Amino acid sequence: MVDFVDGTAFNYEQGQRARKLFAAVVLAALDDAIADDKKYGNGPEQIARWARSRDGREVLSCAGIDPNERVVSGLMEFVSKGVRTSVALSREESERRNAALQAEAA
């Protein structure tokens, strides 16, 4: 019984690591699309084309993201904002956005 529990825990951890790896691939695709948007002006179309492709849908699924049109439109909106993923995920950027929202509400 203990072996079963250890094996299940190990498999769960491996699955979580794989999901994080695929999430990193999604973040890299977003960064590439943002770079394309700054250079060529076609970033949102590029990320939409990738997310709708078979490979893109597979990567999104493996990252734990349901590859539907709502997700595609969200990815396109994120790319159109032009904020790199490392900046968008940082605490400072999050605090800055929250302060801006509170200033607008007041």
C-alpha atoms as a PDB file:
ATOM      1  CA  MET A   1       0.000   0.000   0.000  1.00  0.00           C
ATOM      2  CA  VAL A   2       2.821   2.405   0.834  1.00  0.00           C
ATOM      3  CA  ASP A   3       4.433   1.692  -2.540  1.00  0.00           C
ATOM      4  CA  PHE A   4       1.171   2.579  -4.276  1.00  0.00           C
ATOM      5  CA  VAL A   5       0.932   5.902  -2.423  1.00  0.00           C
ATOM      6  CA  ASP A   6       4.581   6.725  -3.160  1.00  0.00           C
ATOM      7  CA  GLY A   7       4.113   5.846  -6.818  1.00  0.00           C
ATOM      8  CA  THR A   8       0.971   7.950  -7.070  1.00  0.00           C
ATOM      9  CA  ALA A   9       2.679  10.925  -5.436  1.00  0.00           C
ATOM     10  CA  PHE A  10       5.659  10.552  -7.744  1.00  0.00           C
ATOM     11  CA  ASN A  11       3.422  10.373 -10.829  1.00  0.00           C
ATOM     12  CA  TYR A  12       1.483  13.445  -9.678  1.00  0.00           C
ATOM     13  CA  GLU A  13       4.716  15.414  -9.191  1.00  0.00           C
ATOM     14  CA  GLN A  14       5.972  14.336 -12.617  1.00  0.00           C
ATOM     15  CA  GLY A  15       2.699  15.476 -14.149  1.00  0.00           C
ATOM     16  CA  GLN A  16       2.959  18.844 -12.431  1.00  0.00           C
ATOM     17  CA  ARG A  17       6.523  19.277 -13.716  1.00  0.00           C
ATOM     18  CA  ALA A  18       5.408  18.444 -17.249  1.00  0.00           C
ATOM     19  CA  ARG A  19       2.524  20.917 -16.988  1.00  0.00           C
ATOM     20  CA  LYS A  20       4.944  23.651 -15.858  1.00  0.00           C
ATOM     21  CA  LEU A  21       7.235  22.841 -18.769  1.00  0.00           C
ATOM     22  CA  PHE A  22       4.406  23.233 -21.268  1.00  0.00           C
ATOM     23  CA  ALA A  23       3.279  26.429 -19.531  1.00  0.00           C
ATOM     24  CA  ALA A  24       6.799  27.767 -20.095  1.00  0.00           C
ATOM     25  CA  VAL A  25       6.432  26.942 -23.803  1.00  0.00           C
ATOM     26  CA  VAL A  26       3.179  28.950 -23.886  1.00  0.00           C
ATOM     27  CA  LEU A  27       4.939  31.901 -22.221  1.00  0.00           C
ATOM     28  CA  ALA A  28       7.767  31.671 -24.759  1.00  0.00           C
ATOM     29  CA  ALA A  29       5.232  31.661 -27.605  1.00  0.00           C
ATOM     30  CA  LEU A  30       3.649  34.783 -26.128  1.00  0.00           C
ATOM     31  CA  ASP A  31       7.029  36.498 -25.897  1.00  0.00           C
ATOM     32  CA  ASP A  32       7.781  35.577 -29.512  1.00  0.00           C
ATOM     33  CA  ALA A  33       4.435  36.977 -30.630  1.00  0.00           C
ATOM     34  CA  ILE A  34       5.069  40.197 -28.683  1.00  0.00           C
ATOM     35  CA  ALA A  35       8.463  40.521 -30.378  1.00  0.00           C
ATOM     36  CA  ASP A  36       6.805  39.948 -33.772  1.00  0.00           C
ATOM     37  CA  ASP A  37       4.204  42.564 -32.921  1.00  0.00           C
ATOM     38  CA  LYS A  38       6.867  45.148 -32.132  1.00  0.00           C
ATOM     39  CA  LYS A  39       8.910  44.274 -35.220  1.00  0.00           C
ATOM     40  CA  TYR A  40       6.308  43.457 -37.871  1.00  0.00           C
ATOM     41  CA  GLY A  41       2.972  44.466 -36.299  1.00  0.00           C
ATOM     42  CA  ASN A  42       1.379  41.030 -36.652  1.00  0.00           C
ATOM     43  CA  GLY A  43       1.793  39.567 -33.141  1.00  0.00           C
ATOM     44  CA  PRO A  44      -1.871  38.923 -32.289  1.00  0.00           C
ATOM     45  CA  GLU A  45      -2.421  37.165 -35.616  1.00  0.00           C
ATOM     46  CA  GLN A  46       0.687  35.041 -35.065  1.00  0.00           C
ATOM     47  CA  ILE A  47      -0.353  33.875 -31.589  1.00  0.00           C
ATOM     48  CA  ALA A  48      -3.886  33.179 -32.832  1.00  0.00           C
ATOM     49  CA  ARG A  49      -2.550  31.115 -35.732  1.00  0.00           C
ATOM     50  CA  TRP A  50      -0.282  29.183 -33.333  1.00  0.00           C
ATOM     51  CA  ALA A  51      -3.008  28.627 -30.732  1.00  0.00           C
ATOM     52  CA  ARG A  52      -5.431  27.353 -33.371  1.00  0.00           C
ATOM     53  CA  SER A  53      -2.869  25.017 -34.921  1.00  0.00           C
ATOM     54  CA  ARG A  54      -2.728  21.377 -33.924  1.00  0.00           C
ATOM     55  CA  ASP A  55       0.611  21.826 -32.163  1.00  0.00           C
ATOM     56  CA  GLY A  56      -0.609  24.913 -30.347  1.00  0.00           C
ATOM     57  CA  ARG A  57      -3.765  23.186 -29.136  1.00  0.00           C
ATOM     58  CA  GLU A  58      -1.681  20.241 -27.951  1.00  0.00           C
ATOM     59  CA  VAL A  59       0.745  22.471 -26.030  1.00  0.00           C
ATOM     60  CA  LEU A  60      -2.105  24.451 -24.464  1.00  0.00           C
ATOM     61  CA  SER A  61      -3.832  21.227 -23.414  1.00  0.00           C
ATOM     62  CA  CYS A  62      -0.643  19.836 -21.906  1.00  0.00           C
ATOM     63  CA  ALA A  63      -0.188  23.108 -20.009  1.00  0.00           C
ATOM     64  CA  GLY A  64      -3.640  22.645 -18.492  1.00  0.00           C
ATOM     65  CA  ILE A  65      -5.291  25.337 -20.623  1.00  0.00           C
ATOM     66  CA  ASP A  66      -8.484  24.559 -22.538  1.00  0.00           C
ATOM     67  CA  PRO A  67      -7.703  25.552 -26.158  1.00  0.00           C
ATOM     68  CA  ASN A  68     -10.966  27.309 -27.015  1.00  0.00           C
ATOM     69  CA  GLU A  69     -11.717  30.582 -28.800  1.00  0.00           C
ATOM     70  CA  ARG A  70     -11.998  32.487 -25.529  1.00  0.00           C
ATOM     71  CA  VAL A  71      -8.418  31.523 -24.706  1.00  0.00           C
ATOM     72  CA  VAL A  72      -7.274  32.498 -28.212  1.00  0.00           C
ATOM     73  CA  SER A  73      -8.882  35.928 -27.901  1.00  0.00           C
ATOM     74  CA  GLY A  74      -7.285  36.356 -24.470  1.00  0.00           C
ATOM     75  CA  LEU A  75      -3.863  35.478 -25.852  1.00  0.00           C
ATOM     76  CA  MET A  76      -4.375  37.942 -28.700  1.00  0.00           C
ATOM     77  CA  GLU A  77      -5.375  40.687 -26.252  1.00  0.00           C
ATOM     78  CA  PHE A  78      -2.324  39.958 -24.084  1.00  0.00           C
ATOM     79  CA  VAL A  79      -0.011  40.199 -27.094  1.00  0.00           C
ATOM     80  CA  SER A  80      -1.629  43.413 -28.283  1.00  0.00           C
ATOM     81  CA  LYS A  81      -0.859  45.038 -24.912  1.00  0.00           C
ATOM     82  CA  GLY A  82       2.837  44.472 -25.633  1.00  0.00           C
ATOM     83  CA  VAL A  83       3.905  43.686 -22.057  1.00  0.00           C
ATOM     84  CA  ARG A  84       6.426  40.850 -21.928  1.00  0.00           C
ATOM     85  CA  THR A  85       5.448  37.861 -19.811  1.00  0.00           C
ATOM     86  CA  SER A  86       8.338  38.254 -17.371  1.00  0.00           C
ATOM     87  CA  VAL A  87       7.223  41.823 -16.662  1.00  0.00           C
ATOM     88  CA  ALA A  88       3.506  40.981 -16.568  1.00  0.00           C
ATOM     89  CA  LEU A  89       4.088  38.206 -14.041  1.00  0.00           C
ATOM     90  CA  SER A  90       6.307  40.279 -11.756  1.00  0.00           C
ATOM     91  CA  ARG A  91       5.050  41.555  -8.437  1.00  0.00           C
ATOM     92  CA  GLU A  92       5.964  45.159  -9.234  1.00  0.00           C
ATOM     93  CA  GLU A  93       3.849  45.182 -12.391  1.00  0.00           C
ATOM     94  CA  SER A  94       0.941  43.620 -10.528  1.00  0.00           C
ATOM     95  CA  GLU A  95       1.143  46.262  -7.807  1.00  0.00           C
ATOM     96  CA  ARG A  96       1.382  49.026 -10.424  1.00  0.00           C
ATOM     97  CA  ARG A  97      -1.725  47.750 -12.249  1.00  0.00           C
ATOM     98  CA  ASN A  98      -3.688  47.459  -9.003  1.00  0.00           C
ATOM     99  CA  ALA A  99      -2.708  51.003  -8.007  1.00  0.00           C
ATOM    100  CA  ALA A 100      -3.797  52.281 -11.425  1.00  0.00           C
ATOM    101  CA  LEU A 101      -7.161  50.516 -11.116  1.00  0.00           C
ATOM    102  CA  GLN A 102      -7.723  51.930  -7.650  1.00  0.00           C
ATOM    103  CA  ALA A 103      -6.820  55.423  -8.878  1.00  0.00           C
ATOM    104  CA  GLU A 104      -9.367  55.086 -11.713  1.00  0.00           C
ATOM    105  CA  ALA A 105     -12.058  53.890  -9.290  1.00  0.00           C
ATOM    106  CA  ALA A 106     -11.472  56.858  -6.962  1.00  0.00           C
END
